[in-house]
């Protein structure tokens, strides 16, 4: 993998000067910036710098954090303590229930950001590591495909490692199967 600084420089160039062409080869204006899990803090600093730079250049930026998306539904419905009790008991089907609600919350957050941008601007999907082990991003991104079109762009920051075969593994654990986003590796 290239160094993080190079990937962020390329990302900035894409977003400032080539955003309208992002969907040409993949059908979606999505970019996946891959970084090593141990680069999390540096990546977060660079995300903040990127957002400031884009805004200074006149682009609208919405940041959607995955942090808390898994349990947001239960917290909003006042059932978070009950959920933790059920999880401690190892209740069957609980993982699927958490995943279903977490995916819905995250999809709604992304689509809300898209509505705020009204077809023009950039969505930065951050804190992606917080969806593990409950969610996979692929179905959520697929659900947003027809709602996010160029010149809008969605960038997600993806902590992954390459395995011996050269394939990406999310957090070094789960194989990555989303192929439609433009990769910055």
Protein backbone atom coordinates (compact mmCIF):
# COMPACT_ATOMS: atom_id res chain seq x y z
CA UNK A 1 0.00 0.00 0.00
CA UNK A 2 1.10 3.54 -0.69
CA UNK A 3 1.71 5.95 2.15
CA UNK A 4 -1.33 7.71 3.56
CA UNK A 5 -0.22 11.20 2.54
CA UNK A 6 -0.10 10.19 -1.14
CA UNK A 7 -3.58 8.71 -1.01
CA UNK A 8 -5.01 11.86 0.58
CA UNK A 9 -3.29 14.03 -2.02
CA UNK A 10 -4.84 11.94 -4.79
CA UNK A 11 -8.24 12.05 -3.06
CA UNK A 12 -8.12 15.84 -2.77
CA UNK A 13 -7.24 16.12 -6.46
CA UNK A 14 -10.11 13.79 -7.42
CA UNK A 15 -12.65 15.67 -5.32
CA UNK A 16 -11.57 19.15 -6.37
CA UNK A 17 -11.01 18.57 -10.07
CA UNK A 18 -12.47 15.22 -11.20
CA UNK A 19 -15.53 14.61 -9.04
CA UNK A 20 -17.92 14.65 -12.01
CA UNK A 21 -16.03 11.78 -13.62
CA UNK A 22 -15.84 9.50 -10.55
CA UNK A 23 -18.78 7.35 -11.61
CA UNK A 24 -17.59 6.80 -15.20
CA UNK A 25 -15.97 3.39 -14.77
CA UNK A 26 -17.88 2.10 -11.73
CA UNK A 27 -21.37 3.56 -12.05
CA UNK A 28 -21.17 5.19 -8.63
CA UNK A 29 -19.29 8.30 -7.41
CA UNK A 30 -17.83 6.38 -4.45
CA UNK A 31 -14.20 6.39 -3.38
CA UNK A 32 -12.70 3.96 -0.87
CA UNK A 33 -9.51 5.19 0.74
CA UNK A 34 -7.81 2.15 2.27
CA UNK A 35 -5.44 2.56 5.18
CA UNK A 36 -3.75 0.26 7.66
CA UNK A 37 -5.68 -0.12 10.93
CA UNK A 38 -2.67 1.15 12.87
CA UNK A 39 -2.90 4.44 10.90
CA UNK A 40 -6.33 5.25 12.39
CA UNK A 41 -5.31 8.40 14.29
CA UNK A 42 -3.29 9.80 11.42
CA UNK A 43 -6.16 9.06 9.02
CA UNK A 44 -8.61 10.90 11.29
CA UNK A 45 -6.35 13.98 11.35
CA UNK A 46 -6.06 13.90 7.57
CA UNK A 47 -9.85 13.55 7.21
CA UNK A 48 -10.35 16.72 9.24
CA UNK A 49 -7.75 18.58 7.20
CA UNK A 50 -9.36 17.36 3.96
CA UNK A 51 -12.81 18.54 5.07
CA UNK A 52 -11.44 22.00 5.94
CA UNK A 53 -9.59 22.25 2.62
CA UNK A 54 -12.64 21.25 0.59
CA UNK A 55 -14.84 23.74 2.43
CA UNK A 56 -12.28 26.53 1.89
CA UNK A 57 -12.44 25.73 -1.83
CA UNK A 58 -16.22 26.23 -1.73
CA UNK A 59 -17.42 22.62 -1.64
CA UNK A 60 -20.16 21.47 0.72
CA UNK A 61 -19.03 18.61 2.96
CA UNK A 62 -21.14 16.40 5.19
CA UNK A 63 -19.40 14.07 7.62
CA UNK A 64 -21.25 10.88 8.54
CA UNK A 65 -19.70 8.94 11.40
CA UNK A 66 -20.33 5.22 11.82
CA UNK A 67 -19.59 5.64 15.51
CA UNK A 68 -22.65 4.72 17.49
CA UNK A 69 -24.71 3.58 14.47
CA UNK A 70 -24.84 0.00 15.70
CA UNK A 71 -26.65 0.84 18.93
CA UNK A 72 -28.39 4.12 17.96
CA UNK A 73 -31.74 2.43 17.32
CA UNK A 74 -31.76 0.78 20.74
CA UNK A 75 -30.60 3.92 22.49
CA UNK A 76 -33.31 6.03 20.83
CA UNK A 77 -35.99 3.50 21.76
CA UNK A 78 -34.77 3.30 25.37
CA UNK A 79 -33.81 -0.36 25.01
CA UNK A 80 -30.01 -0.19 25.19
CA UNK A 81 -29.74 -1.73 28.67
CA UNK A 82 -32.12 -4.51 27.64
CA UNK A 83 -29.98 -5.15 24.56
CA UNK A 84 -26.81 -5.52 26.65
CA UNK A 85 -28.60 -7.95 28.96
CA UNK A 86 -29.74 -10.05 25.98
CA UNK A 87 -26.26 -9.96 24.49
CA UNK A 88 -24.78 -11.23 27.78
CA UNK A 89 -27.27 -14.14 27.67
CA UNK A 90 -26.25 -14.97 24.11
CA UNK A 91 -29.80 -14.77 22.75
CA UNK A 92 -30.17 -16.40 19.34
CA UNK A 93 -30.73 -14.00 16.46
CA UNK A 94 -29.54 -10.99 18.42
CA UNK A 95 -26.58 -10.34 16.11
CA UNK A 96 -28.86 -10.27 13.05
CA UNK A 97 -31.28 -7.94 14.84
CA UNK A 98 -28.46 -5.56 15.78
CA UNK A 99 -27.09 -5.69 12.23
CA UNK A 100 -30.48 -4.97 10.65
CA UNK A 101 -31.16 -1.93 12.83
CA UNK A 102 -27.57 -0.67 12.60
CA UNK A 103 -27.61 -0.90 8.81
CA UNK A 104 -30.87 1.03 8.67
CA UNK A 105 -29.51 3.79 10.93
CA UNK A 106 -26.31 4.13 8.90
CA UNK A 107 -28.17 4.14 5.58
CA UNK A 108 -30.50 6.87 6.90
CA UNK A 109 -27.51 8.94 8.05
CA UNK A 110 -25.90 8.72 4.62
CA UNK A 111 -29.13 9.54 2.77
CA UNK A 112 -29.83 12.46 5.13
CA UNK A 113 -26.38 13.84 4.29
CA UNK A 114 -27.16 13.41 0.58
CA UNK A 115 -30.43 15.33 0.99
CA UNK A 116 -28.62 18.14 2.81
CA UNK A 117 -26.14 18.37 -0.05
CA UNK A 118 -28.97 18.51 -2.61
CA UNK A 119 -26.95 16.76 -5.32
CA UNK A 120 -23.75 18.76 -4.98
CA UNK A 121 -20.97 18.14 -2.49
CA UNK A 122 -19.09 15.43 -0.69
CA UNK A 123 -20.06 12.92 1.98
CA UNK A 124 -17.21 11.66 4.13
CA UNK A 125 -18.09 8.35 5.81
CA UNK A 126 -15.79 8.08 8.82
CA UNK A 127 -15.18 5.78 11.79
CA UNK A 128 -15.96 2.74 9.65
CA UNK A 129 -14.18 0.39 12.08
CA UNK A 130 -17.09 0.91 14.50
CA UNK A 131 -19.41 -1.26 12.38
CA UNK A 132 -17.36 -4.38 13.07
CA UNK A 133 -18.36 -7.16 13.72
CA UNK A 134 -22.07 -6.48 13.16
CA UNK A 135 -22.25 -4.78 9.77
CA UNK A 136 -20.77 -5.03 6.33
CA UNK A 137 -20.72 -1.82 4.30
CA UNK A 138 -21.48 -3.42 0.93
CA UNK A 139 -25.29 -3.72 1.34
CA UNK A 140 -25.50 -0.22 2.82
CA UNK A 141 -23.54 1.27 -0.07
CA UNK A 142 -25.65 -0.68 -2.56
CA UNK A 143 -28.80 0.78 -0.94
CA UNK A 144 -27.41 4.30 -1.47
CA UNK A 145 -26.36 3.76 -5.09
CA UNK A 146 -29.32 5.42 -6.78
CA UNK A 147 -29.46 8.26 -4.26
CA UNK A 148 -25.89 9.50 -4.61
CA UNK A 149 -24.96 10.60 -8.10
CA UNK A 150 -22.18 12.75 -9.48
CA UNK A 151 -21.35 15.55 -9.00
CA UNK A 152 -21.98 14.44 -5.42
CA UNK A 153 -19.38 12.00 -4.09
CA UNK A 154 -19.20 9.59 -1.18
CA UNK A 155 -15.80 8.84 0.29
CA UNK A 156 -15.36 6.13 2.88
CA UNK A 157 -12.22 5.51 4.87
CA UNK A 158 -11.57 1.79 5.09
CA UNK A 159 -9.16 0.24 7.61
CA UNK A 160 -7.80 -2.90 5.98
CA UNK A 161 -4.76 -5.09 5.56
CA UNK A 162 -3.63 -7.08 2.57
CA UNK A 163 -3.48 -10.83 3.09
CA UNK A 164 -0.84 -13.14 1.58
CA UNK A 165 -2.80 -13.30 -1.69
CA UNK A 166 -2.94 -9.49 -1.91
CA UNK A 167 -6.66 -9.31 -1.11
CA UNK A 168 -7.99 -6.67 1.27
CA UNK A 169 -9.34 -7.75 4.64
CA UNK A 170 -11.41 -5.27 6.67
CA UNK A 171 -9.54 -4.74 9.96
CA UNK A 172 -7.43 -7.72 8.91
CA UNK A 173 -10.43 -9.99 9.56
CA UNK A 174 -13.21 -9.93 6.99
CA UNK A 175 -12.64 -10.15 3.22
CA UNK A 176 -13.63 -7.05 1.29
CA UNK A 177 -16.09 -7.66 -1.51
CA UNK A 178 -17.26 -4.17 -2.52
CA UNK A 179 -15.89 -3.62 -6.00
CA UNK A 180 -17.76 -0.55 -7.25
CA UNK A 181 -15.93 2.20 -5.38
CA UNK A 182 -12.82 3.71 -6.83
CA UNK A 183 -10.00 2.32 -4.67
CA UNK A 184 -7.17 4.39 -3.27
CA UNK A 185 -4.83 1.73 -1.90
